[in-house]
Structure formats: C-alpha cells, structure tokens
Protein backbone atom coordinates (compact mmCIF):
# COMPACT_ATOMS: atom_id res chain seq x y z
CA MET A 1 25.62 21.61 -21.57
CA LEU A 2 29.16 19.94 -21.10
CA GLY A 3 29.34 18.85 -17.39
CA THR A 4 32.76 17.71 -16.18
CA PHE A 5 32.85 14.50 -16.40
CA GLU A 6 31.18 14.37 -20.05
CA SER A 7 34.21 17.28 -20.94
CA LEU A 8 36.78 14.07 -19.75
CA ARG A 9 34.92 11.92 -21.95
CA LEU A 10 35.02 13.95 -25.19
CA SER A 11 38.78 14.01 -24.09
CA ALA A 12 39.34 10.16 -24.53
CA ILE A 13 37.58 10.29 -27.42
CA ARG A 14 39.87 12.92 -29.13
CA PHE A 15 42.72 11.72 -27.72
CA PRO A 16 43.32 8.18 -26.01
CA SER A 17 46.51 7.36 -26.37
CA LYS A 18 47.82 10.56 -24.87
CA ILE A 19 48.64 11.56 -21.56
CA ALA A 20 46.19 13.20 -19.64
CA VAL A 21 47.33 13.13 -15.51
CA ARG A 22 50.96 12.08 -14.08
CA ASP A 23 52.05 12.00 -11.03
CA ASP A 24 55.30 11.05 -9.36
CA GLY A 25 54.06 7.05 -9.32
CA CYS A 26 52.15 7.09 -11.88
CA ALA A 27 50.78 8.58 -15.51
CA ARG A 28 47.40 8.01 -16.86
CA THR A 29 46.23 8.48 -20.66
CA PHE A 30 43.07 9.89 -21.50
CA ALA A 31 41.40 6.38 -22.01
CA GLU A 32 42.49 4.62 -18.64
CA LEU A 33 41.52 8.16 -16.71
CA ARG A 34 37.92 7.64 -18.34
CA THR A 35 38.18 3.85 -17.71
CA LEU A 36 39.50 4.56 -13.96
CA ALA A 37 36.69 7.93 -13.12
CA ASN A 38 33.59 4.69 -14.77
CA ARG A 39 35.09 2.15 -12.16
CA ILE A 40 35.08 4.66 -9.30
CA GLY A 41 31.97 5.57 -9.99
CA ASN A 42 30.33 2.01 -10.42
CA GLY A 43 32.14 0.43 -7.77
CA LEU A 44 30.90 3.29 -5.09
CA ALA A 45 27.32 2.90 -6.57
CA ALA A 46 27.18 -0.93 -5.94
CA ASP A 47 28.40 0.02 -2.59
CA GLY A 48 24.75 1.93 -2.07
CA LEU A 49 26.08 5.88 -2.58
CA VAL A 50 23.70 7.54 -4.39
CA LYS A 51 23.03 10.89 -6.18
CA GLY A 52 22.99 13.58 -4.02
CA ASP A 53 25.12 11.95 -0.78
CA ARG A 54 28.36 14.55 0.36
CA VAL A 55 31.48 12.66 0.48
CA ALA A 56 34.62 14.20 1.94
CA LEU A 57 38.04 14.42 0.55
CA LEU A 58 40.96 14.51 2.79
CA ALA A 59 44.18 13.52 0.69
CA GLY A 60 47.06 15.10 -1.14
CA ASN A 61 47.74 15.52 -4.63
CA SER A 62 47.98 12.48 -6.89
CA ALA A 63 46.27 11.00 -10.43
CA ASP A 64 43.64 9.09 -8.52
CA LEU A 65 42.73 12.21 -6.44
CA LEU A 66 41.72 13.94 -9.93
CA ALA A 67 40.26 10.77 -11.36
CA LEU A 68 37.75 10.78 -7.88
CA TYR A 69 36.06 14.60 -8.83
CA TYR A 70 35.11 12.67 -12.70
CA ALA A 71 33.86 9.93 -10.63
CA PHE A 72 31.77 11.92 -8.51
CA GLU A 73 30.51 14.29 -10.90
CA ARG A 74 29.48 11.18 -13.08
CA ASN A 75 27.39 9.24 -10.69
CA GLY A 76 25.61 12.95 -8.69
CA LEU A 77 27.54 12.82 -5.85
CA VAL A 78 28.76 15.88 -4.26
CA ALA A 79 32.32 16.51 -3.01
CA VAL A 80 33.96 17.93 -0.15
CA PRO A 81 37.09 18.27 0.03
CA ILE A 82 38.88 19.40 2.82
CA ASN A 83 42.38 20.89 3.45
CA VAL A 84 44.63 18.58 4.65
CA ARG A 85 46.37 20.68 6.82
CA LEU A 86 43.59 21.55 9.35
CA VAL A 87 43.44 20.09 12.68
CA ALA A 88 40.48 17.23 14.15
CA LYS A 89 37.99 19.76 15.34
CA GLU A 90 38.94 21.66 12.16
CA ILE A 91 37.86 18.62 9.96
CA GLU A 92 34.89 17.27 12.84
CA TYR A 93 32.92 20.52 11.89
CA ILE A 94 33.18 20.04 7.84
CA VAL A 95 32.10 16.63 7.14
CA ASN A 96 29.35 16.24 10.22
CA HIS A 97 28.37 20.22 8.97
CA SER A 98 28.29 18.59 5.25
CA GLU A 99 25.92 15.35 6.38
CA ALA A 100 28.80 13.36 4.62
CA ARG A 101 27.94 9.55 3.98
CA ALA A 102 30.99 8.81 2.95
CA MET A 103 34.67 9.99 3.27
CA VAL A 104 37.81 9.27 1.19
CA VAL A 105 41.49 9.16 3.09
CA GLY A 106 45.20 9.59 2.32
CA ALA A 107 46.49 6.63 4.01
CA ASP A 108 49.29 9.11 5.20
CA LEU A 109 46.15 10.91 7.00
CA LEU A 110 44.48 7.79 8.22
CA PRO A 111 45.68 7.24 11.48
CA GLU A 112 44.96 10.72 12.38
CA LEU A 113 41.59 10.19 11.28
CA LEU A 114 40.81 6.84 13.17
CA GLY A 115 41.21 9.01 16.34
CA MET A 116 38.40 10.98 15.61
CA THR A 117 35.96 8.50 13.66
CA GLY A 118 34.00 8.20 16.84
CA ARG A 119 33.17 11.79 16.27
CA LEU A 120 32.31 11.72 13.10
CA GLY A 121 28.79 10.99 11.01
CA VAL A 122 30.34 8.85 8.05
CA GLU A 123 28.52 5.43 7.94
CA GLN A 124 29.99 2.56 9.20
CA ASN A 125 33.05 1.32 7.17
CA ARG A 126 32.59 3.72 4.46
CA TYR A 127 36.02 5.17 5.01
CA PHE A 128 38.08 4.13 1.19
CA VAL A 129 41.33 4.77 1.63
CA ILE A 130 43.70 5.93 -1.38
CA GLY A 131 47.96 5.43 -1.56
CA ASP A 132 49.88 3.36 0.12
CA GLY A 133 50.21 2.14 3.73
CA ALA A 134 48.91 0.28 6.37
CA VAL A 135 45.01 0.16 6.17
CA ASP A 136 42.70 -0.32 9.48
CA ARG A 137 39.99 -2.76 9.90
CA SER A 138 37.31 0.45 9.86
CA ALA A 139 38.58 1.48 6.34
CA ARG A 140 38.53 -0.18 2.69
CA ARG A 141 41.43 0.29 0.39
CA LEU A 142 39.59 2.30 -2.96
CA ALA A 143 41.60 0.30 -5.06
CA ASP A 144 40.06 -2.72 -3.74
CA LEU A 145 36.72 -1.43 -4.71
CA VAL A 146 37.90 -0.15 -8.24
CA ALA A 147 38.59 -3.70 -9.15
CA ARG A 148 35.91 -5.62 -9.01
CA ALA A 149 33.81 -2.46 -10.38
CA ALA A 150 32.84 -2.55 -14.12
CA PRO A 151 34.02 -0.27 -16.34
CA ASP A 152 30.67 0.65 -17.83
CA GLU A 153 29.70 4.42 -18.06
CA VAL A 154 26.24 4.38 -17.14
CA ARG A 155 24.24 7.59 -17.42
CA ILE A 156 23.15 9.54 -14.20
CA ALA A 157 20.39 12.00 -14.88
CA GLN A 158 21.91 15.16 -13.36
CA ARG A 159 20.27 18.83 -13.67
CA PRO A 160 22.79 22.39 -14.28
CA GLU A 161 21.49 23.37 -10.62
CA ASP A 162 22.44 20.02 -9.10
CA PRO A 163 25.08 20.83 -6.40
CA GLU A 164 28.97 19.48 -7.60
CA ALA A 165 30.81 19.91 -4.69
CA ILE A 166 30.81 22.17 -1.09
CA PHE A 167 33.71 23.83 -0.65
CA TYR A 168 34.44 24.99 2.37
CA THR A 169 36.48 28.59 3.72
CA SER A 170 36.31 30.05 7.11
CA GLY A 171 34.10 31.84 8.56
CA THR A 172 33.96 35.22 9.89
CA THR A 173 32.08 34.04 13.16
CA GLY A 174 34.81 31.12 13.59
CA PHE A 175 32.67 28.44 11.36
CA PRO A 176 33.26 27.67 8.25
CA LYS A 177 31.07 27.89 5.48
CA GLY A 178 30.13 25.41 3.23
CA VAL A 179 29.97 27.60 -0.74
CA ILE A 180 27.59 25.33 -3.12
CA ARG A 181 29.20 24.79 -6.44
CA THR A 182 26.95 23.61 -8.82
CA ARG A 183 27.66 21.78 -12.60
CA ALA A 184 26.66 25.04 -14.25
CA GLY A 185 28.68 27.17 -12.12
CA GLU A 186 31.93 24.94 -12.88
CA ASP A 187 30.61 24.42 -16.48
CA TRP A 188 30.90 27.94 -16.81
CA VAL A 189 34.41 28.63 -14.98
CA ARG A 190 35.28 26.25 -17.55
CA VAL A 191 34.61 27.56 -20.89
CA SER A 192 35.16 31.87 -19.37
CA HIS A 193 38.61 31.30 -18.26
CA ILE A 194 39.75 29.05 -20.87
CA ALA A 195 38.79 31.67 -23.31
CA GLU A 196 39.94 34.36 -20.87
CA TRP A 197 43.50 32.24 -20.42
CA GLY A 198 44.22 31.25 -23.90
CA PHE A 199 44.95 27.13 -22.78
CA ALA A 200 44.86 25.03 -25.46
CA HIS A 201 44.88 21.05 -25.94
CA GLU A 202 48.44 21.56 -26.49
CA ASP A 203 49.56 22.74 -23.59
CA VAL A 204 51.07 20.42 -20.22
CA ASN A 205 49.91 22.03 -16.69
CA TYR A 206 51.46 21.78 -14.23
CA CYS A 207 49.65 21.30 -10.66
CA VAL A 208 51.47 21.67 -7.42
CA GLY A 209 48.78 23.36 -5.70
CA PRO A 210 46.25 21.57 -3.49
CA LEU A 211 43.46 19.85 -5.16
CA PHE A 212 41.03 20.34 -2.36
CA HIS A 213 41.29 24.26 -3.34
CA ASN A 214 38.70 25.12 -6.10
CA SER A 215 41.55 26.68 -8.00
CA PHE A 216 44.50 24.76 -9.03
CA LEU A 217 41.38 22.09 -9.45
CA ALA A 218 39.85 24.15 -11.58
CA VAL A 219 43.05 24.89 -13.60
CA ALA A 220 43.55 21.45 -13.81
CA GLN A 221 40.39 20.49 -15.22
CA MET A 222 40.15 23.33 -17.89
CA HIS A 223 43.19 21.64 -19.56
CA VAL A 224 41.90 18.01 -19.58
CA ALA A 225 38.41 19.41 -20.73
CA LEU A 226 40.90 20.65 -23.85
CA GLY A 227 42.19 17.53 -24.20
CA ALA A 228 45.96 19.02 -22.46
CA SER A 229 47.98 17.21 -20.19
CA VAL A 230 48.40 17.32 -16.33
CA VAL A 231 51.54 17.07 -14.28
CA VAL A 232 50.08 16.26 -10.68
CA GLN A 233 52.99 17.13 -7.75
CA HIS A 234 51.99 16.85 -4.08
CA GLY A 235 53.72 19.16 -1.69
CA TRP A 236 55.70 22.81 -2.84
CA ASN A 237 59.64 22.76 -3.02
CA PRO A 238 60.80 25.18 -5.50
CA GLU A 239 63.72 23.24 -7.25
CA ARG A 240 61.59 20.61 -7.25
CA ALA A 241 59.05 22.54 -9.47
CA LEU A 242 60.94 24.08 -11.64
CA ALA A 243 63.12 20.74 -12.61
CA THR A 244 59.12 18.96 -13.01
CA MET A 245 58.49 21.40 -14.99
CA ALA A 246 61.54 21.34 -17.41
CA ALA A 247 61.21 18.02 -17.30
CA HIS A 248 57.74 17.45 -18.51
CA GLY A 249 57.71 20.15 -20.57
CA VAL A 250 55.26 22.25 -18.84
CA SER A 251 53.38 25.50 -20.48
CA THR A 252 50.71 26.99 -18.25
CA ALA A 253 50.52 26.52 -14.28
CA PHE A 254 48.51 28.52 -11.71
CA LEU A 255 50.71 29.98 -8.72
CA VAL A 256 50.11 31.80 -5.69
CA PRO A 257 52.76 35.08 -5.22
CA THR A 258 54.25 32.63 -2.27
CA MET A 259 55.07 30.30 -5.44
CA SER A 260 56.50 32.33 -7.76
CA LYS A 261 58.51 34.46 -4.94
CA ASP A 262 60.45 31.26 -4.34
CA LEU A 263 61.07 30.60 -7.87
CA VAL A 264 62.67 33.94 -8.33
CA ASP A 265 64.87 33.59 -5.60
CA LEU A 266 66.18 30.34 -6.27
CA PRO A 267 69.99 30.66 -7.24
CA ALA A 268 70.59 31.67 -10.84
CA SER A 269 72.43 28.25 -11.51
CA THR A 270 69.93 26.41 -10.01
CA ARG A 271 67.82 28.11 -12.83
CA ALA A 272 70.13 27.17 -15.47
CA ARG A 273 70.27 24.02 -15.06
CA HIS A 274 66.34 23.64 -15.59
CA ALA A 275 65.25 25.44 -18.52
CA VAL A 276 61.63 26.46 -19.07
CA SER A 277 61.66 27.86 -22.12
CA GLY A 278 58.26 26.75 -22.80
CA PHE A 279 56.21 27.99 -20.16
CA ARG A 280 54.22 30.37 -21.70
CA ARG A 281 51.24 30.97 -19.43
CA LEU A 282 51.01 31.89 -15.68
CA ILE A 283 47.91 32.63 -13.50
CA SER A 284 48.73 34.72 -10.81
CA SER A 285 46.30 34.93 -7.83
CA ALA A 286 45.41 34.47 -3.64
CA SER A 287 47.11 39.07 -3.60
CA ALA A 288 48.36 41.37 -6.19
CA LEU A 289 51.78 40.81 -6.98
CA PRO A 290 53.82 43.64 -5.42
CA THR A 291 55.97 45.32 -8.55
CA ALA A 292 59.28 44.04 -7.83
CA LEU A 293 58.09 40.82 -7.90
CA LYS A 294 55.57 40.59 -11.29
CA GLN A 295 59.42 42.21 -12.95
CA ALA A 296 61.30 39.45 -11.40
CA LEU A 297 58.97 37.10 -12.78
CA LEU A 298 58.83 38.58 -16.50
CA ASP A 299 62.98 38.79 -16.24
CA THR A 300 62.92 34.88 -15.11
CA PHE A 301 60.82 33.67 -17.26
CA PRO A 302 60.52 36.07 -19.86
CA GLY A 303 58.38 33.79 -22.83
CA VAL A 304 55.65 33.57 -19.98
CA GLY A 305 52.35 35.92 -20.41
CA LEU A 306 51.35 36.82 -17.17
CA ASN A 307 47.50 36.73 -15.97
CA GLU A 308 46.35 38.21 -12.37
CA ALA A 309 43.00 37.15 -11.49
CA TYR A 310 40.62 38.08 -8.72
CA GLY A 311 37.69 36.53 -6.92
CA TRP A 312 36.56 34.50 -4.18
CA THR A 313 34.90 30.64 -3.67
CA GLU A 314 31.72 31.99 -4.38
CA VAL A 315 32.04 33.36 -7.89
CA MET A 316 35.22 32.16 -8.57
CA TRP A 317 37.92 34.72 -10.41
CA VAL A 318 35.76 37.54 -11.56
CA THR A 319 38.68 39.70 -12.77
CA ASN A 320 41.65 39.63 -15.11
CA LEU A 321 44.85 41.38 -15.76
CA ARG A 322 45.69 40.22 -18.84
CA PRO A 323 50.00 40.80 -19.71
CA ALA A 324 49.74 43.96 -21.90
CA ASP A 325 48.48 45.65 -18.76
CA GLN A 326 51.14 44.12 -16.51
CA MET A 327 53.02 47.22 -15.88
CA ARG A 328 50.84 49.48 -16.92
CA LYS A 329 48.37 48.84 -13.93
CA ILE A 330 50.26 48.30 -10.82
CA ARG A 331 48.54 46.52 -8.05
CA CYS A 332 45.85 46.18 -9.94
CA VAL A 333 43.36 43.13 -11.02
CA GLY A 334 42.45 43.75 -14.09
CA LYS A 335 39.09 44.21 -15.89
CA PRO A 336 35.90 42.02 -15.63
CA MET A 337 36.14 38.35 -17.18
CA LEU A 338 33.90 36.62 -19.83
CA GLY A 339 30.57 36.27 -18.26
CA ALA A 340 31.65 38.34 -15.33
CA GLU A 341 29.83 41.69 -13.65
CA VAL A 342 31.53 43.60 -10.82
CA GLU A 343 30.43 46.85 -8.91
CA VAL A 344 31.60 48.41 -6.41
CA ILE A 345 29.19 49.93 -4.21
CA GLY A 346 29.62 52.87 -1.68
CA GLU A 347 27.85 53.32 1.46
CA ASP A 348 24.59 54.72 0.09
CA GLY A 349 24.25 52.46 -1.62
CA LYS A 350 24.98 53.31 -5.41
CA PRO A 351 28.07 52.09 -7.88
CA VAL A 352 30.74 54.79 -6.71
CA SER A 353 32.96 57.16 -8.79
CA ALA A 354 36.28 55.95 -10.52
CA GLY A 355 38.68 56.44 -7.63
CA GLU A 356 36.23 56.34 -5.31
CA PRO A 357 36.49 53.20 -2.70
CA GLY A 358 33.44 51.24 -1.76
CA GLU A 359 32.75 47.38 -1.54
CA ILE A 360 33.56 44.90 -4.28
CA TYR A 361 30.16 43.47 -5.73
CA ALA A 362 29.95 40.25 -8.72
CA LYS A 363 28.23 37.50 -10.09
CA MET A 364 29.33 35.02 -12.73
CA ALA A 365 26.64 34.16 -15.42
CA THR A 366 25.48 31.04 -13.47
CA GLY A 367 24.82 33.34 -10.08
CA PHE A 368 25.44 32.31 -6.72
CA ALA A 369 24.55 28.79 -5.36
CA GLY A 370 24.44 29.93 -1.68
CA TYR A 371 25.85 28.05 1.57
CA PHE A 372 24.62 25.38 2.78
CA LYS A 373 22.00 24.88 5.54
CA ASP A 374 22.87 28.59 6.06
CA PRO A 375 20.25 31.18 4.56
CA GLU A 376 20.73 33.83 6.27
CA ARG A 377 24.18 34.01 5.67
CA THR A 378 23.87 33.62 2.07
CA ARG A 379 21.10 36.84 2.24
CA SER A 380 23.90 38.84 4.17
CA VAL A 381 26.12 38.46 1.55
CA GLU A 382 23.74 39.06 -1.51
CA ARG A 383 22.75 42.42 -2.86
CA GLY A 384 20.13 41.40 -6.06
CA ASP A 385 21.90 38.58 -8.15
CA LEU A 386 25.49 40.89 -7.10
CA ILE A 387 27.03 39.55 -3.69
CA THR A 388 30.36 40.47 -2.14
CA GLY A 389 33.52 39.03 -0.59
CA GLY A 390 33.85 41.89 1.82
CA ASP A 391 36.44 43.65 -0.23
CA ILE A 392 36.97 47.30 -0.32
CA GLY A 393 38.57 48.31 -3.66
CA THR A 394 38.28 50.80 -5.99
CA VAL A 395 37.72 51.66 -10.06
CA ASP A 396 39.63 53.96 -12.16
CA GLU A 397 38.74 55.82 -15.74
CA GLU A 398 39.28 52.67 -17.67
CA GLY A 399 37.02 50.33 -15.66
CA TYR A 400 40.16 48.46 -13.39
CA LEU A 401 39.74 47.05 -10.61
CA TYR A 402 42.27 47.61 -7.31
CA VAL A 403 41.73 45.93 -4.41
CA ARG A 404 42.51 48.29 -1.20
CA ASP A 405 41.16 46.70 1.85
CA ARG A 406 39.41 43.39 3.28
CA LYS A 407 36.05 45.07 5.04
CA ASN A 408 36.41 41.96 7.17
CA ASP A 409 40.09 41.58 7.72
CA MET A 410 40.88 38.41 6.21
CA ILE A 411 44.46 37.75 6.03
CA ILE A 412 46.26 35.64 3.11
CA SER A 413 48.93 33.98 4.34
CA GLY A 414 50.37 31.43 1.49
CA GLY A 415 47.49 31.49 -0.59
CA GLU A 416 45.49 30.48 2.65
CA ASN A 417 43.11 32.76 3.66
CA ILE A 418 42.38 32.93 7.55
CA TYR A 419 40.15 34.95 9.27
CA PRO A 420 41.70 36.89 12.20
CA ILE A 421 38.37 36.10 14.21
CA GLU A 422 38.79 32.82 14.54
CA VAL A 423 42.39 32.98 16.26
CA ASP A 424 41.06 35.45 18.38
CA GLU A 425 39.02 33.37 19.68
CA ILE A 426 41.07 30.61 20.44
CA LEU A 427 43.88 33.08 21.92
CA ALA A 428 40.92 34.36 24.23
CA ARG A 429 40.77 30.80 25.65
CA HIS A 430 44.49 30.51 27.63
CA PRO A 431 43.75 31.31 30.97
CA GLY A 432 46.41 34.34 31.07
CA VAL A 433 44.40 36.04 28.29
CA LYS A 434 42.37 39.24 28.60
CA GLU A 435 41.54 40.32 25.68
CA ALA A 436 43.38 39.88 21.91
CA ALA A 437 43.46 40.67 18.70
CA VAL A 438 45.12 39.27 15.35
CA ILE A 439 45.84 41.41 12.34
CA GLY A 440 47.77 40.41 9.39
CA VAL A 441 51.89 41.98 8.57
CA PRO A 442 54.34 42.10 5.61
CA HIS A 443 55.86 38.69 4.78
CA PRO A 444 58.38 38.51 2.49
CA ARG A 445 57.50 35.43 1.13
CA LEU A 446 53.98 34.62 2.61
CA GLY A 447 52.65 38.02 1.63
CA GLU A 448 51.34 38.13 4.97
CA VAL A 449 51.02 36.76 8.61
CA CYS A 450 49.10 36.23 11.86
CA HIS A 451 50.28 39.68 14.06
CA ALA A 452 48.48 38.55 17.86
CA VAL A 453 48.16 41.99 20.16
CA VAL A 454 47.52 40.81 23.37
CA VAL A 455 46.29 42.59 27.17
CA LEU A 456 46.89 40.02 29.55
CA GLN A 457 45.34 39.33 32.64
CA PRO A 458 46.37 41.55 35.77
CA GLY A 459 49.30 40.12 37.72
CA ILE A 460 50.20 37.66 34.90
CA VAL A 461 53.42 36.87 33.27
CA ALA A 462 53.32 35.25 29.38
CA ASP A 463 55.67 35.67 26.84
CA GLU A 464 55.68 35.17 22.86
CA GLU A 465 56.07 31.55 22.72
CA GLU A 466 54.10 30.21 25.06
CA ILE A 467 50.95 32.31 23.38
CA ILE A 468 51.65 30.92 19.86
CA ALA A 469 52.38 27.47 21.41
CA PHE A 470 48.72 27.49 22.70
CA CYS A 471 47.44 27.23 19.53
CA ALA A 472 48.94 23.83 19.07
CA GLY A 473 46.31 21.14 18.60
CA LYS A 474 43.64 23.99 18.31
CA LEU A 475 44.16 25.70 14.56
CA ALA A 476 45.87 24.25 11.74
CA LYS A 477 49.65 25.46 11.91
CA PHE A 478 49.45 28.55 9.31
CA LYS A 479 46.65 30.21 11.25
CA TRP A 480 48.61 30.25 13.99
CA PRO A 481 50.68 34.04 14.74
CA ARG A 482 54.00 34.44 13.97
CA SER A 483 54.72 37.38 16.69
CA VAL A 484 53.61 38.31 19.37
CA ALA A 485 52.80 41.96 21.23
CA PHE A 486 52.03 42.77 24.65
CA VAL A 487 49.93 46.19 25.62
CA ASP A 488 47.78 47.47 28.61
CA GLU A 489 44.44 47.79 26.36
CA LEU A 490 43.28 47.54 22.49
CA PRO A 491 42.30 50.86 20.91
CA ARG A 492 38.71 50.62 20.67
CA ASN A 493 35.84 53.47 19.83
CA ALA A 494 32.85 54.88 21.86
CA MET A 495 30.77 52.17 21.20
CA GLY A 496 33.34 49.59 22.43
CA LYS A 497 34.04 48.51 19.13
CA LEU A 498 37.81 47.38 18.65
CA LEU A 499 39.62 49.79 16.01
CA LYS A 500 41.54 47.09 13.79
CA ARG A 501 42.67 49.57 11.12
CA GLU A 502 44.23 51.30 14.22
CA LEU A 503 46.77 48.60 15.90
CA ARG A 504 47.53 48.23 11.75
CA ALA A 505 48.23 51.89 11.79
CA ARG A 506 50.52 51.11 14.37
CA ILE A 507 52.30 48.72 13.55
CA SER A 508 53.17 50.53 9.82
CA ALA A 509 54.08 53.61 11.51
CA ALA A 510 56.09 51.38 13.94
CA SER A 511 58.19 49.66 10.60
CA ASP A 512 58.49 53.26 9.36
CA THR A 513 60.90 54.44 12.73
C-alpha cells in the first residue's frame, strides 16, 4: 500500500529538485519537503508523541502546514484539523472530544487559543506554534523543535486500517462528529480521483481553500503523489487568485462555486491582465453549479475541462460529472467514480426507479471507518456496507445522479456546511425568543445563507440586528443568520413536528411575487 508519506518519498526520489509546494513566503523542493517532514516527525517523536496519538491542528494555509500532514502520517500520529473560523466553544469541544495530546497552532491564532488552554485536555507545554509572531511561555515554536531534530527517515509499522485523520463535521444534534479517515481510505482517494480527473506530474495545482478541509488537502496530496507542484495560498481574494494562477502557470484547481462566481465576476480588464492560458482542469464541489455560472466559467476559461464532484466527508467524492456532460446534464452531479457505488433508496428500502426520489447511499472501495467514539451514530447512517449523508436524490435512465434536497436540512454556504438545528438552539437561548427556525435561502455568491424565522415571547420587542448579534461568540460567523423574519407561530404537523419544508415554500412563494 502506498501511504501518504511514502507517496512524498517516492516523488522526492523522482523529482528531488522540483518545487513541490510554495506559499507566499517560501518554496520547497520535493527533497526539502521530505526532509522537513522527517525532521518534524523525529522532533515530535523525541518529544514523546507516539503512534495513535491525536494532534489537533489550528492554522491557516502554509507550506509548513502541508508538511505537517506528511510528518504525522510518517509517525502514525492522527491529525485532527480544526476550522480556523470556529469560536472558542467549538474548538474546545473538538480538542477535548478527540483527546488530543498535542496541538499545533498558527502564531496569529495563538493569543485567542491561550485564553482557553485551561479548558483544553492538551498536555502541558505541548502547544507548537507555526508562523511568525510572539510566542507565550506555555507554547513552543515548531521551528525550534525541527532545528534540533535529525533528518533520518525512521520507519514506523502501520496497517491499512490505522486512522490517519479525524475530520470533524457539524452534527444535527449540535455536536460535531469526528469522521475517521484511514490510511487505506486516503490511499484510495488519491488513486481513484487522479484517474478520474486526469492529473499529471506536469501540473501545477492551486490550493487556496483551507487545508483543514479534507477536500482541498486531498487534491493537494494527489498532486504531490504525482510529483506535481502545489501553490498554497491563505485567504480568498479573486483578483489575487487569478494573478497567482497566472504567475505560477497553474493548470489545475479545486474550487467551490462561491470562488468560481467571484472569478467570473471580475471585470474583463482584470482578467485580461492575468492570463491563465494553461488552466486545463477545474474541479467543483460543495453544491451543483447553476447553469448560468457553469456557462460563464466555460466562457471565461475556454480551455478548461470542468468536472463536478459530489460526496461527503465520510466517503469523500463518489460521483463525477465529466466535461463532456456539463451542458448535457443540467444540475447533475454525474455518475459513480472509480471504486464507488451509489444507490438511491426509497422508503420501502429498495432502489428507486429512474426519476423517483430517495435517500442517497454510497460507499468507496475502502469502506466507512465510522465516527470517533460514537458507534450509535455510526450505525444510524449505515445500510449494510453503504452509508448515507442524508441527501435526497434521483437517478435518470442513464444512471446519472441528481441531488434534489437535504433530508437533514443542511445548509451549504460558501462551501461550509451548516446544520440549522445548531443555530436554532443558539437563537432559542435569547431571552426574548420563544421559538426559532433557521432555513437556507438563495444567495448570489455564497449559494445559500441562513435565514431565521423567529417567534418572540409575548410582549417582547426585538429587531433583526439584535437577533443576529446574539450569535456573537456562540457560533462561527459564517453560521450567523443573514436575515430574520418575525412570525406569530411556526408551522407544525399534527404530531408537533416543525415543518421547515413549509417555511422554505413560503420564502420561495414570497420571492416569486
């Protein structure tokens, strides 16, 4: 089996002096990236971290952050990436639930983190800082640890089923769930998706999406495995992105629809200044591209082969809509990928006929490793060896999949998953709120944003600004409602169940008038 670090090692043998990864501050060859991963691994081992230990990562994109993933896999450490946009309470839950022994934090995020260290289960003095900035005495610079470590390549015995990372995703109960990704699972993602998307060692990949997301990390690692170069950038700015792509001859990118829309909305004069003639492969995911945006992308980048992928963290991507099908299959997410199986199951437990809606189940060749410390939740999504992400879909006569709705009401805003019940619960804590329900409404750039429908306590007066501001410090900002409507009561069925479908229908009807 070709492991994550092994894929880097072999690329370093084939292309030692070629640039493997660059960011805004440095460029590292494959040989240098391999050596850095070895030094980090040896330094962490000397510090007492052993195979199976979880290490939380809270940092923005950089070449060093990518190197950390290779060092962790080399040592058998389990990476626990954390969304840098989360608030203290959310970070605290993930660090403690994962039982992380150590934590790597970006220097810019250290001041905020130090305010919560007493509530975290991380061992004393096992906070390692990457990047420039002041370091508190309770933390150490990763660079100092690396400087003292040997570059020797130490082999640590590992099995295909060993966990490589735990990615926490929002949960419908308000608590995030830790999705275990195994070494074999990550291996298969690289093999199948390289084959599907046709990446090659001559490519230059642009990675601007956060490396705490498995999607952007996986695509970057696919390129390293091939001996292709990766350009890592922190923070999204469409003009800077286009300039970077032009300057470094970028040929491939993974973007969410929000990013794609920002690029096509740039003035023609701006796009003309930053020609990206070598851009040949664009992978889009998070939600199906609107037809108008898809056409604009193809017009803006006429040489690009556009692929749309669908999946979720537990299985990664399981379908691919290939370039030849882009304008033939509207609002479609394609057919199963190499090694993937997809079924749409009706309420009777049987696969549906073409055009009939049902719940989408899928698996990849390596299977689902489960949720960390949560066997009950693991069983709840399984159906034999298939699992569901809760989406409702249909298939057509040719076997192409269409995602029609979300059974669990999840909102995808700018590529970020938001589960409304988590926001509902926060709004319900407002002393003036009797009930609250959050739904997704269309947004021209982000795809969807949260809209809150609120019932106030009798005699209470509140406005939209007050309700939104109540989320500060309790939820990451991307989860805050963008708008609020006040109503006398929420729609419910005879059993008292809230009918969010009816709320969405009301919003849709109002927008059509």
